[in-house]
Amino acid sequence: MMSEQQNECGCPEGQARNKRGDCVMPEVSFISFILSLNTTALFHLGEIPHPETGQKLLDLELARHTIDTLAMLEEKTKGNLDKEEQELISRVAYELKLRFVRKRKI
């Protein structure tokens, strides 16, 4: 059986210790959701290596889909986000669009 990779706090990958010291998944929030979509887009843009193989793969179609998802969320949530959430989604969407355009030119 394959053992799970552990992160720097000794928890399985993707988990963190809570106040009691238990390994748990991080709290679901709008910010963590946006950061997850950002990571997904970066992976599809070949900016982040695959965690198991270490290979960087480029899939512009999947990257565009994730970026379009962020743009849709930004539009649908206008006026309903706090300042930090709005700044994050705007910055992430903008930066991913720039990276996408650069990758298409290669």
N, C-alpha and C. Protein backbone atom coordinates (compact mmCIF):
# COMPACT_ATOMS: atom_id res chain seq x y z
N MET A 1 0.84 -1.18 0.00
CA MET A 1 0.00 0.00 0.00
C MET A 1 0.89 1.24 0.00
N MET A 2 0.49 2.26 -0.75
CA MET A 2 1.26 3.48 -0.88
C MET A 2 1.03 4.38 0.32
N SER A 3 2.10 4.91 0.89
CA SER A 3 1.93 5.79 2.04
C SER A 3 1.63 7.21 1.56
N GLU A 4 0.85 7.94 2.35
CA GLU A 4 0.49 9.31 1.99
C GLU A 4 1.68 10.22 2.24
N GLN A 5 1.87 11.20 1.35
CA GLN A 5 2.91 12.19 1.56
C GLN A 5 2.50 13.09 2.71
N GLN A 6 3.49 13.52 3.47
CA GLN A 6 3.19 14.40 4.59
C GLN A 6 3.81 15.77 4.33
N ASN A 7 3.14 16.81 4.85
CA ASN A 7 3.66 18.16 4.70
C ASN A 7 4.54 18.49 5.90
N GLU A 8 4.98 19.75 5.96
CA GLU A 8 5.92 20.17 7.01
C GLU A 8 5.37 20.05 8.43
N CYS A 9 4.05 20.01 8.60
CA CYS A 9 3.49 19.89 9.96
C CYS A 9 3.19 18.43 10.33
N GLY A 10 3.59 17.49 9.45
CA GLY A 10 3.41 16.08 9.75
C GLY A 10 2.04 15.53 9.40
N CYS A 11 1.24 16.33 8.72
CA CYS A 11 -0.10 15.90 8.32
C CYS A 11 -0.06 15.39 6.88
N PRO A 12 -1.04 14.57 6.50
CA PRO A 12 -1.13 14.18 5.09
C PRO A 12 -1.22 15.43 4.21
N GLU A 13 -0.70 15.33 2.99
CA GLU A 13 -0.69 16.46 2.06
C GLU A 13 -2.08 17.06 1.93
N GLY A 14 -2.17 18.40 2.00
CA GLY A 14 -3.44 19.10 1.87
C GLY A 14 -4.11 19.39 3.20
N GLN A 15 -3.59 18.82 4.28
CA GLN A 15 -4.20 19.03 5.60
C GLN A 15 -3.28 19.89 6.46
N ALA A 16 -3.85 20.44 7.52
CA ALA A 16 -3.10 21.25 8.48
C ALA A 16 -3.60 20.90 9.88
N ARG A 17 -2.83 21.30 10.86
CA ARG A 17 -3.24 21.04 12.26
C ARG A 17 -4.19 22.12 12.73
N ASN A 18 -5.25 21.70 13.42
CA ASN A 18 -6.16 22.67 14.01
C ASN A 18 -5.66 23.05 15.39
N LYS A 19 -6.43 23.83 16.14
CA LYS A 19 -6.01 24.30 17.46
C LYS A 19 -5.75 23.16 18.44
N ARG A 20 -6.45 22.03 18.26
CA ARG A 20 -6.25 20.87 19.14
C ARG A 20 -5.08 20.01 18.70
N GLY A 21 -4.52 20.31 17.52
CA GLY A 21 -3.40 19.53 17.02
C GLY A 21 -3.78 18.40 16.09
N ASP A 22 -5.08 18.28 15.78
CA ASP A 22 -5.54 17.24 14.86
C ASP A 22 -5.26 17.66 13.42
N CYS A 23 -4.96 16.70 12.56
CA CYS A 23 -4.80 16.96 11.14
C CYS A 23 -6.19 17.03 10.51
N VAL A 24 -6.50 18.16 9.90
CA VAL A 24 -7.81 18.36 9.28
C VAL A 24 -7.63 19.09 7.95
N MET A 25 -8.66 19.01 7.12
CA MET A 25 -8.67 19.79 5.89
C MET A 25 -8.85 21.25 6.27
N PRO A 26 -8.28 22.17 5.49
CA PRO A 26 -8.45 23.59 5.81
C PRO A 26 -9.91 24.01 5.68
N GLU A 27 -10.27 25.06 6.38
CA GLU A 27 -11.63 25.58 6.34
C GLU A 27 -11.99 26.01 4.92
N VAL A 28 -13.21 25.70 4.53
CA VAL A 28 -13.68 26.13 3.21
C VAL A 28 -14.12 27.59 3.32
N SER A 29 -13.55 28.40 2.44
CA SER A 29 -13.91 29.82 2.40
C SER A 29 -13.84 30.28 0.95
N PHE A 30 -14.37 31.45 0.68
CA PHE A 30 -14.31 31.98 -0.67
C PHE A 30 -12.85 32.16 -1.09
N ILE A 31 -12.04 32.66 -0.18
CA ILE A 31 -10.62 32.89 -0.48
C ILE A 31 -9.91 31.57 -0.78
N SER A 32 -10.15 30.53 0.01
CA SER A 32 -9.49 29.25 -0.26
C SER A 32 -9.97 28.66 -1.58
N PHE A 33 -11.23 28.90 -1.94
CA PHE A 33 -11.77 28.43 -3.21
C PHE A 33 -11.07 29.14 -4.38
N ILE A 34 -10.92 30.45 -4.29
CA ILE A 34 -10.24 31.22 -5.34
C ILE A 34 -8.78 30.78 -5.46
N LEU A 35 -8.12 30.57 -4.33
CA LEU A 35 -6.73 30.13 -4.37
C LEU A 35 -6.61 28.73 -4.98
N SER A 36 -7.60 27.89 -4.73
CA SER A 36 -7.61 26.56 -5.34
C SER A 36 -7.76 26.65 -6.85
N LEU A 37 -8.65 27.52 -7.32
CA LEU A 37 -8.81 27.72 -8.77
C LEU A 37 -7.53 28.30 -9.37
N ASN A 38 -6.87 29.19 -8.64
CA ASN A 38 -5.61 29.77 -9.10
C ASN A 38 -4.56 28.66 -9.28
N THR A 39 -4.45 27.79 -8.30
CA THR A 39 -3.49 26.68 -8.37
C THR A 39 -3.81 25.77 -9.55
N THR A 40 -5.08 25.49 -9.75
CA THR A 40 -5.49 24.66 -10.88
C THR A 40 -5.10 25.29 -12.20
N ALA A 41 -5.37 26.58 -12.35
CA ALA A 41 -5.01 27.27 -13.60
C ALA A 41 -3.50 27.28 -13.79
N LEU A 42 -2.75 27.55 -12.74
CA LEU A 42 -1.28 27.55 -12.84
C LEU A 42 -0.76 26.18 -13.25
N PHE A 43 -1.38 25.13 -12.74
CA PHE A 43 -0.99 23.78 -13.12
C PHE A 43 -1.22 23.56 -14.61
N HIS A 44 -2.39 23.96 -15.10
CA HIS A 44 -2.72 23.77 -16.52
C HIS A 44 -1.89 24.67 -17.43
N LEU A 45 -1.39 25.76 -16.88
CA LEU A 45 -0.51 26.64 -17.66
C LEU A 45 0.95 26.17 -17.63
N GLY A 46 1.20 25.06 -16.95
CA GLY A 46 2.55 24.53 -16.88
C GLY A 46 3.46 25.27 -15.92
N GLU A 47 2.88 26.04 -15.02
CA GLU A 47 3.66 26.82 -14.04
C GLU A 47 3.98 26.02 -12.79
N ILE A 48 3.17 25.01 -12.51
CA ILE A 48 3.35 24.17 -11.31
C ILE A 48 3.52 22.73 -11.77
N PRO A 49 4.55 22.04 -11.27
CA PRO A 49 4.73 20.64 -11.69
C PRO A 49 3.70 19.71 -11.05
N HIS A 50 3.46 18.60 -11.74
CA HIS A 50 2.59 17.56 -11.20
C HIS A 50 3.22 17.07 -9.90
N PRO A 51 2.44 16.92 -8.83
CA PRO A 51 3.00 16.56 -7.52
C PRO A 51 3.67 15.19 -7.48
N GLU A 52 3.24 14.26 -8.31
CA GLU A 52 3.83 12.92 -8.27
C GLU A 52 4.94 12.73 -9.29
N THR A 53 4.77 13.29 -10.49
CA THR A 53 5.75 13.06 -11.56
C THR A 53 6.78 14.17 -11.66
N GLY A 54 6.45 15.36 -11.16
CA GLY A 54 7.35 16.50 -11.28
C GLY A 54 7.32 17.14 -12.65
N GLN A 55 6.51 16.59 -13.57
CA GLN A 55 6.43 17.14 -14.92
C GLN A 55 5.51 18.36 -14.95
N LYS A 56 5.89 19.31 -15.79
CA LYS A 56 5.03 20.48 -16.04
C LYS A 56 4.31 20.24 -17.35
N LEU A 57 2.99 20.30 -17.31
CA LEU A 57 2.17 20.04 -18.48
C LEU A 57 1.43 21.31 -18.87
N LEU A 58 1.26 21.52 -20.16
CA LEU A 58 0.54 22.69 -20.65
C LEU A 58 -0.75 22.24 -21.32
N ASP A 59 -1.88 22.72 -20.81
CA ASP A 59 -3.19 22.43 -21.40
C ASP A 59 -3.96 23.74 -21.41
N LEU A 60 -3.83 24.47 -22.53
CA LEU A 60 -4.44 25.79 -22.61
C LEU A 60 -5.96 25.75 -22.54
N GLU A 61 -6.57 24.69 -23.04
CA GLU A 61 -8.03 24.59 -22.99
C GLU A 61 -8.52 24.50 -21.54
N LEU A 62 -7.88 23.67 -20.73
CA LEU A 62 -8.28 23.57 -19.32
C LEU A 62 -7.93 24.84 -18.55
N ALA A 63 -6.80 25.46 -18.90
CA ALA A 63 -6.43 26.72 -18.25
C ALA A 63 -7.48 27.78 -18.56
N ARG A 64 -7.88 27.88 -19.83
CA ARG A 64 -8.89 28.87 -20.22
C ARG A 64 -10.21 28.61 -19.49
N HIS A 65 -10.59 27.35 -19.34
CA HIS A 65 -11.84 27.02 -18.65
C HIS A 65 -11.79 27.49 -17.20
N THR A 66 -10.68 27.28 -16.54
CA THR A 66 -10.56 27.71 -15.14
C THR A 66 -10.56 29.24 -15.05
N ILE A 67 -9.87 29.90 -15.96
CA ILE A 67 -9.84 31.37 -15.97
C ILE A 67 -11.24 31.92 -16.25
N ASP A 68 -11.96 31.29 -17.17
CA ASP A 68 -13.34 31.70 -17.46
C ASP A 68 -14.24 31.49 -16.24
N THR A 69 -14.00 30.43 -15.49
CA THR A 69 -14.76 30.18 -14.26
C THR A 69 -14.52 31.30 -13.26
N LEU A 70 -13.27 31.72 -13.12
CA LEU A 70 -12.95 32.84 -12.21
C LEU A 70 -13.62 34.13 -12.68
N ALA A 71 -13.60 34.39 -13.98
CA ALA A 71 -14.23 35.59 -14.52
C ALA A 71 -15.73 35.58 -14.26
N MET A 72 -16.36 34.42 -14.43
CA MET A 72 -17.79 34.29 -14.16
C MET A 72 -18.08 34.54 -12.68
N LEU A 73 -17.27 33.96 -11.81
CA LEU A 73 -17.46 34.17 -10.37
C LEU A 73 -17.28 35.64 -10.00
N GLU A 74 -16.28 36.28 -10.60
CA GLU A 74 -16.05 37.69 -10.33
C GLU A 74 -17.28 38.52 -10.71
N GLU A 75 -17.84 38.24 -11.86
CA GLU A 75 -19.02 38.97 -12.34
C GLU A 75 -20.25 38.68 -11.45
N LYS A 76 -20.47 37.41 -11.13
CA LYS A 76 -21.67 37.02 -10.37
C LYS A 76 -21.63 37.45 -8.91
N THR A 77 -20.42 37.71 -8.38
CA THR A 77 -20.32 38.06 -6.96
C THR A 77 -20.11 39.56 -6.74
N LYS A 78 -20.13 40.35 -7.82
CA LYS A 78 -19.95 41.81 -7.68
C LYS A 78 -20.91 42.37 -6.65
N GLY A 79 -20.38 43.16 -5.73
CA GLY A 79 -21.20 43.78 -4.70
C GLY A 79 -21.49 42.89 -3.51
N ASN A 80 -21.06 41.63 -3.56
CA ASN A 80 -21.33 40.70 -2.46
C ASN A 80 -20.08 40.22 -1.74
N LEU A 81 -18.92 40.76 -2.11
CA LEU A 81 -17.67 40.34 -1.50
C LEU A 81 -17.12 41.44 -0.61
N ASP A 82 -16.35 41.03 0.40
CA ASP A 82 -15.67 42.07 1.18
C ASP A 82 -14.44 42.53 0.38
N LYS A 83 -13.79 43.56 0.84
CA LYS A 83 -12.69 44.18 0.10
C LYS A 83 -11.58 43.18 -0.20
N GLU A 84 -11.18 42.39 0.77
CA GLU A 84 -10.11 41.41 0.60
C GLU A 84 -10.47 40.37 -0.47
N GLU A 85 -11.69 39.86 -0.43
CA GLU A 85 -12.14 38.87 -1.41
C GLU A 85 -12.17 39.47 -2.82
N GLN A 86 -12.70 40.69 -2.94
CA GLN A 86 -12.80 41.34 -4.25
C GLN A 86 -11.42 41.60 -4.83
N GLU A 87 -10.50 42.08 -4.00
CA GLU A 87 -9.14 42.35 -4.48
C GLU A 87 -8.46 41.05 -4.91
N LEU A 88 -8.67 39.99 -4.17
CA LEU A 88 -8.04 38.71 -4.50
C LEU A 88 -8.55 38.17 -5.82
N ILE A 89 -9.85 38.09 -5.99
CA ILE A 89 -10.38 37.52 -7.23
C ILE A 89 -10.00 38.38 -8.44
N SER A 90 -10.01 39.69 -8.28
CA SER A 90 -9.62 40.58 -9.39
C SER A 90 -8.15 40.39 -9.75
N ARG A 91 -7.29 40.35 -8.75
CA ARG A 91 -5.85 40.19 -8.99
C ARG A 91 -5.53 38.83 -9.60
N VAL A 92 -6.13 37.78 -9.04
CA VAL A 92 -5.87 36.42 -9.54
C VAL A 92 -6.35 36.30 -10.99
N ALA A 93 -7.56 36.78 -11.28
CA ALA A 93 -8.09 36.68 -12.65
C ALA A 93 -7.20 37.45 -13.62
N TYR A 94 -6.79 38.65 -13.25
CA TYR A 94 -5.95 39.48 -14.11
C TYR A 94 -4.60 38.80 -14.38
N GLU A 95 -3.95 38.34 -13.32
CA GLU A 95 -2.63 37.72 -13.48
C GLU A 95 -2.70 36.43 -14.30
N LEU A 96 -3.75 35.65 -14.11
CA LEU A 96 -3.89 34.41 -14.88
C LEU A 96 -4.14 34.71 -16.36
N LYS A 97 -4.92 35.76 -16.63
CA LYS A 97 -5.16 36.14 -18.02
C LYS A 97 -3.85 36.54 -18.70
N LEU A 98 -3.01 37.30 -18.00
CA LEU A 98 -1.71 37.68 -18.56
C LEU A 98 -0.83 36.47 -18.84
N ARG A 99 -0.78 35.54 -17.90
CA ARG A 99 0.02 34.33 -18.09
C ARG A 99 -0.51 33.51 -19.27
N PHE A 100 -1.83 33.44 -19.39
CA PHE A 100 -2.45 32.69 -20.48
C PHE A 100 -2.04 33.29 -21.83
N VAL A 101 -2.12 34.60 -21.94
CA VAL A 101 -1.77 35.27 -23.20
C VAL A 101 -0.30 35.01 -23.53
N ARG A 102 0.57 35.09 -22.54
CA ARG A 102 1.99 34.81 -22.78
C ARG A 102 2.21 33.38 -23.25
N LYS A 103 1.51 32.43 -22.67
CA LYS A 103 1.67 31.02 -23.05
C LYS A 103 1.17 30.78 -24.47
N ARG A 104 0.13 31.48 -24.86
CA ARG A 104 -0.42 31.30 -26.22
C ARG A 104 0.55 31.80 -27.27
N LYS A 105 1.39 32.76 -26.92
CA LYS A 105 2.35 33.33 -27.86
C LYS A 105 3.56 32.44 -28.09
N ILE A 106 3.77 31.50 -27.20
CA ILE A 106 4.96 30.63 -27.28
C ILE A 106 4.81 29.64 -28.42
